[in-house]
């Protein structure tokens, strides 16, 4: 993998790692679940839900990569860009820029 000097450079690579539609859907569902867990954490003032948010988001995403995309998640090499990529892709799916 090449090094990336900006998120703008990284994002096309990130999208290429999510070409499989089921993988993208699992990412979306995991991100939506993570937002739900975050909301529960805020309402209940229970920080354990923050851990649940991370587990939910990453579990769905990694299942998508290992079983459908058949590649290694970019999180392992680019954790910050990958985290940002998850949310930008989530927004792009919500707005119809990327097919769900």
Protein backbone atom coordinates (compact mmCIF):
# COMPACT_ATOMS: atom_id res chain seq x y z
CA UNK A 1 0.00 0.00 0.00
CA UNK A 2 1.21 3.46 -0.83
CA UNK A 3 1.51 6.23 1.75
CA UNK A 4 -1.10 8.98 1.68
CA UNK A 5 -0.39 12.58 2.56
CA UNK A 6 -4.05 13.62 2.82
CA UNK A 7 -7.51 12.19 3.30
CA UNK A 8 -8.42 13.48 -0.17
CA UNK A 9 -5.71 11.21 -1.59
CA UNK A 10 -6.74 8.28 0.60
CA UNK A 11 -10.51 8.28 -0.02
CA UNK A 12 -10.44 6.89 -3.60
CA UNK A 13 -8.29 4.01 -2.33
CA UNK A 14 -10.75 3.52 0.54
CA UNK A 15 -13.71 3.35 -1.85
CA UNK A 16 -11.83 0.80 -3.96
CA UNK A 17 -11.52 -1.38 -0.87
CA UNK A 18 -15.34 -1.28 -0.58
CA UNK A 19 -16.35 -2.29 -4.10
CA UNK A 20 -18.51 -5.16 -2.84
CA UNK A 21 -22.06 -3.95 -2.23
CA UNK A 22 -22.65 -6.29 0.74
CA UNK A 23 -19.49 -4.96 2.40
CA UNK A 24 -20.70 -1.37 1.95
CA UNK A 25 -24.10 -2.30 3.35
CA UNK A 26 -22.51 -3.94 6.38
CA UNK A 27 -20.41 -0.82 6.95
CA UNK A 28 -23.54 1.32 6.76
CA UNK A 29 -25.49 -0.89 9.19
CA UNK A 30 -22.54 -0.98 11.59
CA UNK A 31 -22.18 2.79 11.49
CA UNK A 32 -25.91 3.24 12.04
CA UNK A 33 -25.75 0.82 14.99
CA UNK A 34 -22.76 2.72 16.39
CA UNK A 35 -24.75 5.96 16.23
CA UNK A 36 -27.60 4.21 18.05
CA UNK A 37 -25.24 3.01 20.77
CA UNK A 38 -23.80 6.52 21.07
CA UNK A 39 -27.32 7.92 21.52
CA UNK A 40 -28.07 5.36 24.24
CA UNK A 41 -24.76 6.21 25.95
CA UNK A 42 -25.74 9.88 26.04
CA UNK A 43 -29.31 9.30 27.20
CA UNK A 44 -28.40 6.74 29.87
CA UNK A 45 -25.09 8.40 30.75
CA UNK A 46 -23.50 4.98 30.59
CA UNK A 47 -20.01 4.89 29.02
CA UNK A 48 -20.22 1.14 28.36
CA UNK A 49 -22.38 1.97 25.36
CA UNK A 50 -19.38 3.77 23.86
CA UNK A 51 -17.54 0.46 23.83
CA UNK A 52 -20.63 -1.14 22.29
CA UNK A 53 -20.58 1.53 19.57
CA UNK A 54 -16.99 0.65 18.63
CA UNK A 55 -17.69 -3.08 18.68
CA UNK A 56 -20.84 -2.67 16.59
CA UNK A 57 -19.19 -0.48 13.99
CA UNK A 58 -16.05 -2.54 13.57
CA UNK A 59 -17.71 -5.98 13.81
CA UNK A 60 -20.04 -5.30 10.88
CA UNK A 61 -17.25 -3.70 8.85
CA UNK A 62 -14.76 -6.49 9.42
CA UNK A 63 -17.31 -9.18 8.61
CA UNK A 64 -17.85 -7.34 5.34
CA UNK A 65 -14.14 -7.31 4.58
CA UNK A 66 -13.23 -10.84 5.62
CA UNK A 67 -16.26 -12.67 4.18
CA UNK A 68 -17.49 -10.56 1.26
CA UNK A 69 -14.78 -8.15 0.11
CA UNK A 70 -12.08 -10.72 0.95
CA UNK A 71 -9.48 -8.10 1.80
CA UNK A 72 -7.78 -6.75 4.89
CA UNK A 73 -9.49 -3.69 6.44
CA UNK A 74 -7.60 -0.45 5.80
CA UNK A 75 -8.02 0.25 9.53
CA UNK A 76 -5.00 -1.93 10.23
CA UNK A 77 -2.66 0.32 8.25
CA UNK A 78 -4.51 3.67 8.18
CA UNK A 79 -6.66 3.79 11.34
CA UNK A 80 -7.47 7.52 11.33
CA UNK A 81 -8.08 7.90 7.60
CA UNK A 82 -10.11 4.69 7.62
CA UNK A 83 -12.28 5.88 10.51
CA UNK A 84 -12.91 9.14 8.66
CA UNK A 85 -13.56 7.18 5.46
CA UNK A 86 -16.27 5.16 7.20
CA UNK A 87 -18.18 8.32 8.05
CA UNK A 88 -17.67 9.99 4.70
CA UNK A 89 -18.85 6.82 2.95
CA UNK A 90 -21.84 6.69 5.35
CA UNK A 91 -22.72 10.27 4.36
CA UNK A 92 -22.20 9.50 0.67
CA UNK A 93 -24.56 6.50 0.92
CA UNK A 94 -27.17 8.59 2.79
CA UNK A 95 -27.04 11.31 0.16
CA UNK A 96 -27.16 8.85 -2.75
CA UNK A 97 -23.67 9.64 -4.02
CA UNK A 98 -22.71 5.98 -3.44
CA UNK A 99 -25.13 3.17 -4.21
CA UNK A 100 -26.45 1.29 -1.18
